[in-house]
Amino acid sequence: MTKRYLMRLGKTPFDVADAFHTLDHNLLGTNSGNLIYGAAAHKLFSTQDTVVEANHYRINAKMADQVNAEYDGFILPLANCFRPDFEDHLRRTADFLERLTIPFVMLSGGAQLPLDGDPSALKAMEPTITRFARAVLSGSSALTVRGEMTAEYLRSLGFHDVVVVGCPSLTLHGPGHRVEAPETLVPGAPVAYNLETKDPFGGDLIADAERHYRATYIAQEHGTLELMLWATSPYGADDPRLPLERTHPQFTAARAEMYIDAYPWIGRLEEMAFSFGARAHGNIAAVLAGTPSVMLAHDSRTLELAQYHGIPYVIRGSEHMPHSVQELYSQVDFTEFNRGHVERFETLSSFLHENGFEHIYDPGQESARADYEQRVAEMSFPPAVRPTWIGESPEATQRHAVLQDRDVRRRKTQAAIRREATTREKRTQEQLSQLSRRVEEVGQRLEQERRRADAAEQRAAKAEARLTTLDERLRTITQQVGEANDRAERAVRIPTRLKDALTRSPRER
């Protein structure tokens, strides 16, 4: 019998869409890194006679009944989910999980903290995190997390059923995957780099890569996809060495690439000699391609993943931060990754088995694995996204950018109106609920008072009846007392008459 699993994904690896549709419908979840762990999770659960479907990031309490009726399990792959701007989604997910009756598991979540692990930025949302964690534990044996920093944070909230499993993306090729790194990087070699656009850094490294290697910027952000399609300016660039504006050579020469499917992305990185950057999944994609990479760790999520999986990393701002690609490449060492990969894979595997789930690398699943990989090989994926406006006149490019910017602002305004309308509706519903509860409470109090009045009337009626009875008895007793008095008076008069009779003289008699 075929089993159906629903999985939290923007799309499955077999759902093909063009770049414009991907942008408009946010199939990347704002970041193409979601494709990497999503593809790995989808493959992991695609065992024999199992179909895994995407929820397209839609989740709320109302869906639970339908999901319970139509699916055999729910899989929740997550990334840095414990962060303030994800709180609403976390709350809706908790609403949903609390109503599930089918088996479900959370497949690794992470806290977004600074490098020192200070959780103060999460203080305001801790009630939501606590509720979400309890909802997960209501159906699963443990909370699986990306690294020790997240595990320690959840323990500080009182949760001790926590298992560190890293990122599920590293399961894509099973327990036997390895990375073999050449000792040297040849000048002029193809090098890929990625960038954290919300907190951009690494200008020295990027400038060196542009000068001495065949460098390709592989973008991941939703905003950069818009820039490449519409020539917009979503970022403020303080460092011209960084590819944040359309005037950067990576864009003007159409060398920058962005992938809207996981497998072409990994395949492209197989052609690279080296990859580096601040994006966790940009570097993990390289690891999955067997390409040496170094993580530029700048927060807890990148640091804990690199430490757990044994991926080479350097810490932003440290005194040993390299300034050239050659210096950075000297940090490449995959000894720990290769040594511990099987053990780390087994940790996740054991967790899944403990919760009643099989995976595609279990014994007996060889045919399922072969079928899956054959299906991937037969897919026709869209090519890499590159700047579409190359060759246009500056006027046309600017016009497209302005029109797209206006459209984006319109959509944001509409979204804000919808959110406000939703908030008002929710507030109105809450007020109506409160009013209904108050009316119900007043009705209950009125009913209690009515019952009390009825009881009082019954007691008064009984008292009146008793009073009537007592009145009758009193009249009877009064009458009897009067009669007794009369008899008593008569009784008193008889002896007096006898005495009078005896004392009278015979003459008087």
Protein backbone atom coordinates (compact mmCIF):
# COMPACT_ATOMS: atom_id res chain seq x y z
CA MET A 1 0.00 0.00 0.00
CA THR A 2 1.40 3.39 -0.99
CA LYS A 3 2.11 5.80 1.84
CA ARG A 4 1.76 9.56 1.43
CA TYR A 5 3.92 11.99 3.37
CA LEU A 6 3.43 15.74 3.40
CA MET A 7 6.65 17.73 3.77
CA ARG A 8 7.32 21.39 4.47
CA LEU A 9 8.81 22.44 1.13
CA GLY A 10 8.38 25.31 -1.31
CA LYS A 11 8.46 22.68 -4.02
CA THR A 12 9.75 19.15 -4.54
CA PRO A 13 12.91 18.61 -6.62
CA PHE A 14 10.66 17.50 -9.48
CA ASP A 15 8.51 20.63 -9.56
CA VAL A 16 9.98 22.73 -12.37
CA ALA A 17 9.20 26.45 -12.67
CA ASP A 18 10.86 29.30 -14.52
CA ALA A 19 12.68 32.10 -12.75
CA PHE A 20 9.86 34.65 -13.02
CA HIS A 21 7.30 32.22 -11.55
CA THR A 22 9.80 31.27 -8.85
CA LEU A 23 10.27 34.92 -7.93
CA ASP A 24 6.58 35.86 -8.01
CA HIS A 25 5.48 32.86 -5.93
CA ASN A 26 8.50 32.80 -3.61
CA LEU A 27 9.18 29.13 -4.26
CA LEU A 28 12.63 29.56 -2.72
CA GLY A 29 11.31 30.81 0.62
CA THR A 30 13.41 33.98 -0.04
CA ASN A 31 16.64 31.94 -0.11
CA SER A 32 17.65 29.18 -2.55
CA GLY A 33 19.54 27.45 0.27
CA ASN A 34 16.16 25.96 1.21
CA LEU A 35 16.36 23.94 -2.02
CA ILE A 36 19.41 22.03 -0.80
CA TYR A 37 18.09 20.63 2.47
CA GLY A 38 14.64 20.30 0.89
CA ALA A 39 15.97 18.10 -1.91
CA ALA A 40 17.93 15.95 0.54
CA ALA A 41 14.94 15.54 2.88
CA HIS A 42 12.65 14.68 -0.03
CA LYS A 43 15.03 11.98 -1.24
CA LEU A 44 15.61 10.63 2.27
CA PHE A 45 11.92 9.83 2.81
CA SER A 46 11.18 8.62 -0.74
CA THR A 47 11.31 4.93 0.12
CA GLN A 48 9.58 2.11 -1.73
CA ASP A 49 5.84 2.71 -2.14
CA THR A 50 6.14 6.18 -0.56
CA VAL A 51 5.10 9.46 -2.16
CA VAL A 52 6.41 12.70 -0.67
CA GLU A 53 4.49 15.88 -1.49
CA ALA A 54 5.26 19.55 -0.79
CA ASN A 55 3.01 21.80 1.29
CA HIS A 56 4.38 24.87 -0.60
CA TYR A 57 5.07 26.47 2.80
CA ARG A 58 1.34 26.63 3.57
CA ILE A 59 0.58 25.64 7.13
CA ASN A 60 -2.15 26.49 9.63
CA ALA A 61 -4.50 24.84 12.09
CA LYS A 62 -7.35 24.57 9.57
CA MET A 63 -5.27 22.21 7.40
CA ALA A 64 -4.83 19.61 10.13
CA ASP A 65 -8.07 17.67 9.62
CA GLN A 66 -7.48 17.27 5.89
CA VAL A 67 -3.84 16.28 6.40
CA ASN A 68 -4.85 13.73 9.05
CA ALA A 69 -7.36 12.25 6.62
CA GLU A 70 -5.18 12.17 3.50
CA TYR A 71 -1.59 11.55 4.65
CA ASP A 72 0.33 8.95 6.63
CA GLY A 73 2.96 11.29 8.04
CA PHE A 74 4.22 14.87 8.15
CA ILE A 75 7.89 15.84 7.82
CA LEU A 76 9.09 19.25 9.00
CA PRO A 77 12.56 20.14 7.66
CA LEU A 78 13.68 23.45 9.12
CA ALA A 79 16.70 25.74 9.06
CA ASN A 80 17.25 28.77 11.31
CA CYS A 81 13.67 28.73 12.54
CA PHE A 82 14.21 30.26 15.98
CA ARG A 83 14.45 33.89 14.91
CA PRO A 84 12.11 36.86 15.44
CA ASP A 85 10.96 37.28 11.83
CA PHE A 86 9.93 33.60 11.74
CA GLU A 87 7.80 33.75 14.88
CA ASP A 88 4.44 33.97 13.12
CA HIS A 89 5.25 30.92 10.98
CA LEU A 90 6.44 29.07 14.09
CA ARG A 91 3.16 29.90 15.84
CA ARG A 92 1.07 28.68 12.90
CA THR A 93 3.16 25.51 12.75
CA ALA A 94 2.51 24.88 16.45
CA ASP A 95 -1.24 25.38 15.83
CA PHE A 96 -1.02 22.76 13.08
CA LEU A 97 1.12 20.21 14.97
CA GLU A 98 -1.12 20.36 18.05
CA ARG A 99 -3.99 19.06 15.90
CA LEU A 100 -2.12 16.30 14.05
CA THR A 101 -2.98 12.70 14.80
CA ILE A 102 -0.63 11.14 12.21
CA PRO A 103 3.09 10.52 12.90
CA PHE A 104 5.38 13.53 12.39
CA VAL A 105 8.95 14.61 13.00
CA MET A 106 10.88 17.86 12.96
CA LEU A 107 13.95 17.40 10.80
CA SER A 108 16.49 19.75 12.42
CA GLY A 109 15.95 23.36 13.45
CA GLY A 110 18.36 26.07 14.43
CA ALA A 111 18.55 29.21 16.53
CA GLN A 112 19.80 32.37 14.89
CA LEU A 113 22.21 33.81 17.43
CA PRO A 114 25.40 35.87 17.32
CA LEU A 115 28.76 34.11 17.38
CA ASP A 116 28.91 34.22 21.18
CA GLY A 117 25.54 32.43 21.42
CA ASP A 118 23.78 35.26 23.30
CA PRO A 119 20.02 34.44 23.11
CA SER A 120 18.75 37.82 24.34
CA ALA A 121 17.31 38.69 20.90
CA LEU A 122 14.97 35.69 21.25
CA LYS A 123 13.68 36.59 24.72
CA ALA A 124 10.43 38.15 23.49
CA MET A 125 9.51 35.10 21.40
CA GLU A 126 10.40 32.43 23.95
CA PRO A 127 6.73 31.66 24.75
CA THR A 128 6.22 30.83 21.05
CA ILE A 129 9.41 28.73 20.91
CA THR A 130 8.35 26.89 24.06
CA ARG A 131 4.90 26.18 22.70
CA PHE A 132 6.34 25.02 19.37
CA ALA A 133 8.86 22.70 21.08
CA ARG A 134 6.10 21.15 23.19
CA ALA A 135 3.99 20.63 20.07
CA VAL A 136 6.89 18.80 18.38
CA LEU A 137 7.51 16.64 21.43
CA SER A 138 3.82 15.71 21.57
CA GLY A 139 4.41 13.58 18.47
CA SER A 140 8.18 12.95 18.37
CA SER A 141 10.74 11.47 20.73
CA ALA A 142 13.08 14.47 20.56
CA LEU A 143 13.81 17.87 19.11
CA THR A 144 16.46 17.49 16.40
CA VAL A 145 18.68 20.55 15.96
CA ARG A 146 21.51 21.77 13.76
CA GLY A 147 24.23 22.17 16.37
CA GLU A 148 25.32 22.47 19.98
CA MET A 149 24.48 26.17 20.31
CA THR A 150 20.83 25.52 19.47
CA ALA A 151 20.79 22.45 21.70
CA GLU A 152 22.14 24.46 24.63
CA TYR A 153 19.59 27.21 24.03
CA LEU A 154 16.67 24.75 24.09
CA ARG A 155 18.04 23.10 27.22
CA SER A 156 18.07 26.54 28.87
CA LEU A 157 14.31 26.66 28.21
CA GLY A 158 13.85 23.33 30.00
CA PHE A 159 13.90 20.93 27.05
CA HIS A 160 16.31 18.03 27.46
CA ASP A 161 15.03 15.67 24.74
CA VAL A 162 17.32 17.32 22.18
CA VAL A 163 19.43 15.52 19.57
CA VAL A 164 22.04 17.27 17.42
CA VAL A 165 21.85 15.99 13.83
CA GLY A 166 23.28 18.90 11.85
CA CYS A 167 21.65 19.75 8.53
CA PRO A 168 19.72 17.03 6.66
CA SER A 169 21.19 18.33 3.40
CA LEU A 170 24.36 16.33 4.14
CA THR A 171 22.35 13.09 3.81
CA LEU A 172 21.81 13.62 0.07
CA HIS A 173 24.47 11.13 -1.01
CA GLY A 174 24.13 8.81 1.96
CA PRO A 175 26.65 7.78 4.61
CA GLY A 176 29.47 7.12 2.14
CA HIS A 177 29.99 10.65 0.86
CA ARG A 178 33.52 12.10 1.06
CA VAL A 179 35.37 15.22 -0.05
CA GLU A 180 38.91 14.86 -1.34
CA ALA A 181 40.75 18.20 -1.48
CA PRO A 182 43.89 18.79 -3.58
CA GLU A 183 46.76 20.28 -1.62
CA THR A 184 46.99 23.38 -3.80
CA LEU A 185 44.69 25.71 -5.69
CA VAL A 186 46.06 26.71 -9.06
CA PRO A 187 45.87 30.43 -9.94
CA GLY A 188 43.22 30.97 -12.60
CA ALA A 189 41.20 27.98 -11.42
CA PRO A 190 37.39 28.23 -11.42
CA VAL A 191 36.25 29.48 -8.04
CA ALA A 192 32.72 30.06 -6.75
CA TYR A 193 31.80 32.40 -3.96
CA ASN A 194 28.59 33.37 -2.15
CA LEU A 195 27.57 36.36 -0.09
CA GLU A 196 25.42 37.22 2.93
CA THR A 197 23.57 40.24 1.53
CA LYS A 198 21.96 41.25 4.83
CA ASP A 199 25.38 41.65 6.44
CA PRO A 200 27.86 41.73 3.58
CA PHE A 201 31.58 41.29 4.22
CA GLY A 202 34.64 39.63 2.69
CA GLY A 203 35.55 42.34 0.20
CA ASP A 204 39.27 41.44 0.27
CA LEU A 205 38.62 37.80 -0.54
CA ILE A 206 36.13 38.59 -3.30
CA ALA A 207 38.43 41.17 -4.87
CA ASP A 208 41.29 38.64 -4.83
CA ALA A 209 39.06 35.97 -6.37
CA GLU A 210 38.03 38.39 -9.13
CA ARG A 211 41.67 39.29 -9.90
CA HIS A 212 43.40 35.91 -9.76
CA TYR A 213 40.76 33.27 -10.54
CA ARG A 214 37.85 32.58 -12.83
CA ALA A 215 35.37 33.69 -10.23
CA THR A 216 31.63 33.12 -10.33
CA TYR A 217 29.25 34.69 -7.85
CA ILE A 218 26.53 32.14 -7.11
CA ALA A 219 23.70 34.13 -5.60
CA GLN A 220 21.04 32.77 -3.27
CA GLU A 221 18.87 35.67 -2.14
CA HIS A 222 15.39 36.47 -3.40
CA GLY A 223 16.48 40.09 -3.84
CA THR A 224 19.39 39.12 -6.09
CA LEU A 225 17.07 37.02 -8.25
CA GLU A 226 14.96 40.14 -8.72
CA LEU A 227 18.08 42.16 -9.56
CA MET A 228 19.10 39.60 -12.19
CA LEU A 229 15.65 39.49 -13.77
CA TRP A 230 14.63 43.14 -13.51
CA ALA A 231 17.81 45.16 -12.83
CA THR A 232 16.41 46.49 -9.56
CA SER A 233 18.57 47.77 -6.69
CA PRO A 234 17.45 45.85 -3.59
CA TYR A 235 20.62 46.43 -1.56
CA GLY A 236 22.60 49.36 -0.33
CA ALA A 237 26.25 48.79 -1.31
CA ASP A 238 28.99 50.44 0.74
CA ASP A 239 31.77 48.26 -0.70
CA PRO A 240 31.94 48.33 -4.52
CA ARG A 241 33.96 45.10 -4.48
CA LEU A 242 30.86 43.19 -3.39
CA PRO A 243 28.25 42.12 -6.00
CA LEU A 244 25.33 44.07 -4.61
CA GLU A 245 24.64 46.50 -7.46
CA ARG A 246 23.94 45.78 -11.12
CA THR A 247 27.06 47.76 -12.06
CA HIS A 248 29.27 45.04 -10.56
CA PRO A 249 31.29 43.11 -13.21
CA GLN A 250 29.64 39.84 -12.15
CA PHE A 251 26.35 41.26 -13.46
CA THR A 252 27.49 43.43 -16.34
CA ALA A 253 29.52 40.52 -17.77
CA ALA A 254 26.70 38.03 -17.04
CA ARG A 255 29.03 35.87 -14.97
CA ALA A 256 26.83 35.78 -11.86
CA GLU A 257 24.57 32.76 -11.60
CA MET A 258 21.63 31.74 -9.49
CA TYR A 259 19.98 28.34 -9.41
CA ILE A 260 16.31 27.71 -8.78
CA ASP A 261 16.73 23.93 -8.51
CA ALA A 262 19.10 22.02 -6.24
CA TYR A 263 20.60 19.43 -8.57
CA PRO A 264 21.83 21.83 -11.32
CA TRP A 265 23.36 23.96 -8.57
CA ILE A 266 25.27 21.02 -7.13
CA GLY A 267 26.24 19.92 -10.62
CA ARG A 268 27.66 23.35 -11.41
CA LEU A 269 29.77 23.29 -8.26
CA GLU A 270 31.29 19.99 -9.37
CA GLU A 271 33.03 22.06 -12.05
CA MET A 272 34.61 24.38 -9.49
CA ALA A 273 38.00 23.93 -7.85
CA PHE A 274 37.02 25.81 -4.70
CA SER A 275 34.07 27.57 -3.10
CA PHE A 276 33.80 29.96 -0.17
CA GLY A 277 31.39 32.40 1.42
CA ALA A 278 29.11 33.21 4.32
CA ARG A 279 26.08 31.25 3.10
CA ALA A 280 25.68 27.91 4.91
CA HIS A 281 23.99 26.07 2.07
CA GLY A 282 26.10 27.69 -0.61
CA ASN A 283 29.07 25.94 1.00
CA ILE A 284 27.15 22.75 1.74
CA ALA A 285 26.14 22.57 -1.93
CA ALA A 286 29.87 22.58 -2.74
CA VAL A 287 30.52 19.85 -0.17
CA LEU A 288 27.77 17.75 -1.77
CA ALA A 289 29.48 18.35 -5.12
CA GLY A 290 32.74 17.03 -3.66
CA THR A 291 34.31 20.47 -4.04
CA PRO A 292 36.51 21.87 -1.25
CA SER A 293 34.91 24.82 0.50
CA VAL A 294 35.46 27.06 3.49
CA MET A 295 32.65 28.61 5.53
CA LEU A 296 33.01 32.23 6.55
CA ALA A 297 31.29 31.81 9.92
CA HIS A 298 29.60 35.02 11.02
CA ASP A 299 26.83 33.82 13.35
CA SER A 300 25.77 30.78 15.37
CA ARG A 301 23.97 29.05 12.51
CA THR A 302 27.01 28.97 10.20
CA LEU A 303 29.45 28.24 13.04
CA GLU A 304 27.54 25.36 14.64
CA LEU A 305 26.91 23.65 11.29
CA ALA A 306 30.56 23.87 10.29
CA GLN A 307 31.71 22.60 13.68
CA TYR A 308 29.26 19.70 13.81
CA HIS A 309 29.89 18.44 10.28
CA GLY A 310 33.61 19.09 10.22
CA ILE A 311 33.38 21.60 7.37
CA PRO A 312 36.43 23.93 7.27
CA TYR A 313 35.64 27.44 8.52
CA VAL A 314 37.14 30.73 9.58
CA ILE A 315 35.45 33.11 11.99
CA ARG A 316 34.65 36.60 10.85
CA GLY A 317 36.63 39.25 12.66
CA SER A 318 39.21 36.84 14.06
CA GLU A 319 42.86 37.77 13.91
CA HIS A 320 43.47 34.83 11.60
CA MET A 321 40.88 35.92 9.04
CA PRO A 322 42.54 35.42 5.60
CA HIS A 323 42.69 38.25 3.07
CA SER A 324 43.45 36.19 -0.03
CA VAL A 325 41.98 33.11 -1.62
CA GLN A 326 45.26 31.24 -1.28
CA GLU A 327 45.33 31.96 2.46
CA LEU A 328 41.74 30.82 2.72
CA TYR A 329 42.42 27.63 0.77
CA SER A 330 45.14 26.76 3.24
CA GLN A 331 42.33 26.21 5.78
CA VAL A 332 40.85 23.38 3.70
CA ASP A 333 40.91 20.15 5.68
CA PHE A 334 38.11 17.59 5.32
CA THR A 335 39.68 14.97 7.60
CA GLU A 336 37.02 15.41 10.29
CA PHE A 337 34.19 15.58 7.77
CA ASN A 338 35.25 12.31 6.15
CA ARG A 339 36.00 10.61 9.47
CA GLY A 340 32.69 11.34 11.18
CA HIS A 341 30.18 11.45 8.32
CA VAL A 342 28.99 7.85 8.78
CA GLU A 343 28.50 8.33 12.52
CA ARG A 344 26.60 11.59 12.00
CA PHE A 345 24.40 9.96 9.37
CA GLU A 346 23.65 7.12 11.79
CA THR A 347 22.55 9.58 14.49
CA LEU A 348 19.83 10.94 12.20
CA SER A 349 18.98 7.46 10.93
CA SER A 350 18.46 6.17 14.47
CA PHE A 351 16.19 9.08 15.30
CA LEU A 352 14.00 8.37 12.27
CA HIS A 353 13.78 4.66 13.10
CA GLU A 354 12.93 5.47 16.72
CA ASN A 355 9.96 7.48 15.46
CA GLY A 356 8.71 4.83 13.04
CA PHE A 357 10.11 6.21 9.77
CA GLU A 358 12.24 4.41 7.20
CA HIS A 359 14.67 6.16 4.86
CA ILE A 360 16.01 5.51 1.38
CA TYR A 361 19.44 4.39 2.61
CA ASP A 362 18.01 1.59 4.78
CA PRO A 363 18.83 -1.98 3.74
CA GLY A 364 16.31 -3.19 1.18
CA GLN A 365 15.77 0.28 -0.31
CA GLU A 366 18.36 -0.08 -3.08
CA SER A 367 15.77 -0.14 -5.86
CA ALA A 368 13.99 2.92 -4.46
CA ARG A 369 17.31 4.77 -4.41
CA ALA A 370 18.16 3.73 -7.97
CA ASP A 371 14.70 4.76 -9.21
CA TYR A 372 14.95 8.13 -7.48
CA GLU A 373 18.39 8.91 -8.88
CA GLN A 374 17.30 7.81 -12.35
CA ARG A 375 14.33 10.13 -12.15
CA VAL A 376 16.61 13.04 -11.21
CA ALA A 377 18.93 12.20 -14.11
CA GLU A 378 16.02 12.30 -16.56
CA MET A 379 14.77 15.71 -15.39
CA SER A 380 15.13 18.75 -17.64
CA PHE A 381 15.89 21.61 -15.26
CA PRO A 382 15.99 25.30 -16.21
CA PRO A 383 19.48 26.71 -16.78
CA ALA A 384 21.20 29.01 -14.34
CA VAL A 385 19.58 32.41 -14.02
CA ARG A 386 21.82 35.18 -15.35
CA PRO A 387 21.13 38.89 -15.81
CA THR A 388 18.37 39.14 -18.42
CA TRP A 389 18.93 42.79 -19.22
CA ILE A 390 22.42 42.50 -20.74
CA GLY A 391 22.38 44.12 -24.19
CA GLU A 392 19.45 46.41 -23.43
CA SER A 393 19.83 50.14 -23.59
CA PRO A 394 20.37 51.86 -20.24
CA GLU A 395 16.98 53.52 -20.67
CA ALA A 396 15.19 50.19 -21.14
CA THR A 397 17.03 48.66 -18.22
CA GLN A 398 16.11 51.58 -15.98
CA ARG A 399 12.49 51.46 -17.14
CA HIS A 400 12.23 47.76 -16.30
CA ALA A 401 13.80 48.38 -12.91
CA VAL A 402 11.42 51.23 -12.14
CA LEU A 403 8.37 49.22 -13.22
CA GLN A 404 9.45 46.23 -11.17
CA ASP A 405 10.18 48.41 -8.18
CA ARG A 406 6.72 49.93 -8.43
CA ASP A 407 5.18 46.48 -8.73
CA VAL A 408 7.12 45.26 -5.72
CA ARG A 409 5.99 48.28 -3.69
CA ARG A 410 2.41 47.66 -4.83
CA ARG A 411 2.62 44.04 -3.74
CA LYS A 412 4.13 45.00 -0.42
CA THR A 413 1.38 47.54 0.10
CA GLN A 414 -1.26 44.97 -0.78
CA ALA A 415 0.39 42.44 1.50
CA ALA A 416 0.47 45.00 4.29
CA ILE A 417 -3.23 45.76 3.70
CA ARG A 418 -4.01 42.04 3.78
CA ARG A 419 -2.02 41.61 6.98
CA GLU A 420 -3.76 44.60 8.54
CA ALA A 421 -7.14 43.29 7.39
CA THR A 422 -6.27 39.87 8.80
CA THR A 423 -5.13 41.45 12.05
CA ARG A 424 -8.31 43.52 12.28
CA GLU A 425 -10.44 40.50 11.46
CA LYS A 426 -8.62 38.48 14.09
CA ARG A 427 -9.03 41.31 16.60
CA THR A 428 -12.72 41.62 15.72
CA GLN A 429 -13.17 37.86 16.06
CA GLU A 430 -11.45 37.97 19.44
CA GLN A 431 -13.70 40.85 20.52
CA LEU A 432 -16.76 38.97 19.28
CA SER A 433 -15.57 35.87 21.09
CA GLN A 434 -15.06 37.88 24.26
CA LEU A 435 -18.50 39.46 23.85
CA SER A 436 -20.05 36.05 23.21
CA ARG A 437 -18.36 34.71 26.32
CA ARG A 438 -19.62 37.68 28.33
CA VAL A 439 -23.16 37.23 26.96
CA GLU A 440 -22.94 33.55 27.77
CA GLU A 441 -21.67 34.33 31.26
CA VAL A 442 -24.50 36.85 31.79
CA GLY A 443 -26.96 34.27 30.49
CA GLN A 444 -25.55 31.70 32.88
CA ARG A 445 -25.80 34.15 35.76
CA LEU A 446 -29.39 35.00 34.77
CA GLU A 447 -30.21 31.30 34.64
CA GLN A 448 -28.67 30.84 38.07
CA GLU A 449 -30.70 33.78 39.39
CA ARG A 450 -33.83 32.38 37.75
CA ARG A 451 -33.22 29.02 39.41
CA ARG A 452 -32.60 30.76 42.70
CA ALA A 453 -35.84 32.79 42.27
CA ASP A 454 -37.75 29.61 41.40
CA ALA A 455 -36.32 27.91 44.46
CA ALA A 456 -37.18 30.94 46.60
CA GLU A 457 -40.74 30.96 45.22
CA GLN A 458 -41.06 27.26 45.95
CA ARG A 459 -39.78 27.78 49.47
CA ALA A 460 -42.21 30.74 49.91
CA ALA A 461 -45.11 28.66 48.63
CA LYS A 462 -44.21 25.86 51.02
CA ALA A 463 -43.87 28.37 53.84
CA GLU A 464 -47.26 29.89 52.94
CA ALA A 465 -48.82 26.46 52.88
CA ARG A 466 -47.31 25.65 56.24
CA LEU A 467 -48.53 29.01 57.53
CA THR A 468 -52.05 28.25 56.33
CA THR A 469 -51.87 24.87 58.01
CA LEU A 470 -50.58 26.47 61.19
CA ASP A 471 -53.36 29.08 61.03
CA GLU A 472 -55.95 26.34 60.76
CA ARG A 473 -54.33 24.44 63.57
CA LEU A 474 -54.20 27.64 65.62
CA ARG A 475 -57.90 28.29 65.03
CA THR A 476 -58.66 24.73 66.00
CA ILE A 477 -56.51 25.00 69.09
CA THR A 478 -58.05 28.38 69.96
CA GLN A 479 -61.51 26.90 69.62
CA GLN A 480 -60.48 23.93 71.72
CA VAL A 481 -58.97 26.24 74.33
CA GLY A 482 -62.22 28.28 74.40
CA GLU A 483 -64.28 25.16 74.84
CA ALA A 484 -61.93 23.97 77.55
CA ASN A 485 -62.24 27.30 79.31
CA ASP A 486 -65.99 27.05 79.11
CA ARG A 487 -65.93 23.57 80.58
CA ALA A 488 -63.50 24.73 83.21
CA GLU A 489 -65.76 27.62 84.14
CA ARG A 490 -68.75 25.32 84.28
CA ALA A 491 -66.76 22.90 86.37
CA VAL A 492 -65.93 25.70 88.81
CA ARG A 493 -69.57 26.80 89.03
CA ILE A 494 -70.91 23.30 89.95
CA PRO A 495 -69.12 23.03 93.33
CA THR A 496 -70.23 26.56 94.16
CA ARG A 497 -73.85 25.65 93.58
CA LEU A 498 -73.51 22.52 95.71
CA LYS A 499 -71.96 24.51 98.52
CA ASP A 500 -74.76 27.05 98.33
CA ALA A 501 -77.28 24.28 98.40
CA LEU A 502 -75.76 22.65 101.50
CA THR A 503 -75.46 25.83 103.46
CA ARG A 504 -79.04 26.91 102.94
CA SER A 505 -81.31 26.33 106.00
CA PRO A 506 -84.06 23.78 105.73
CA ARG A 507 -86.48 26.60 105.85
CA GLU A 508 -84.78 28.12 102.82
CA ARG A 509 -84.73 24.84 101.03
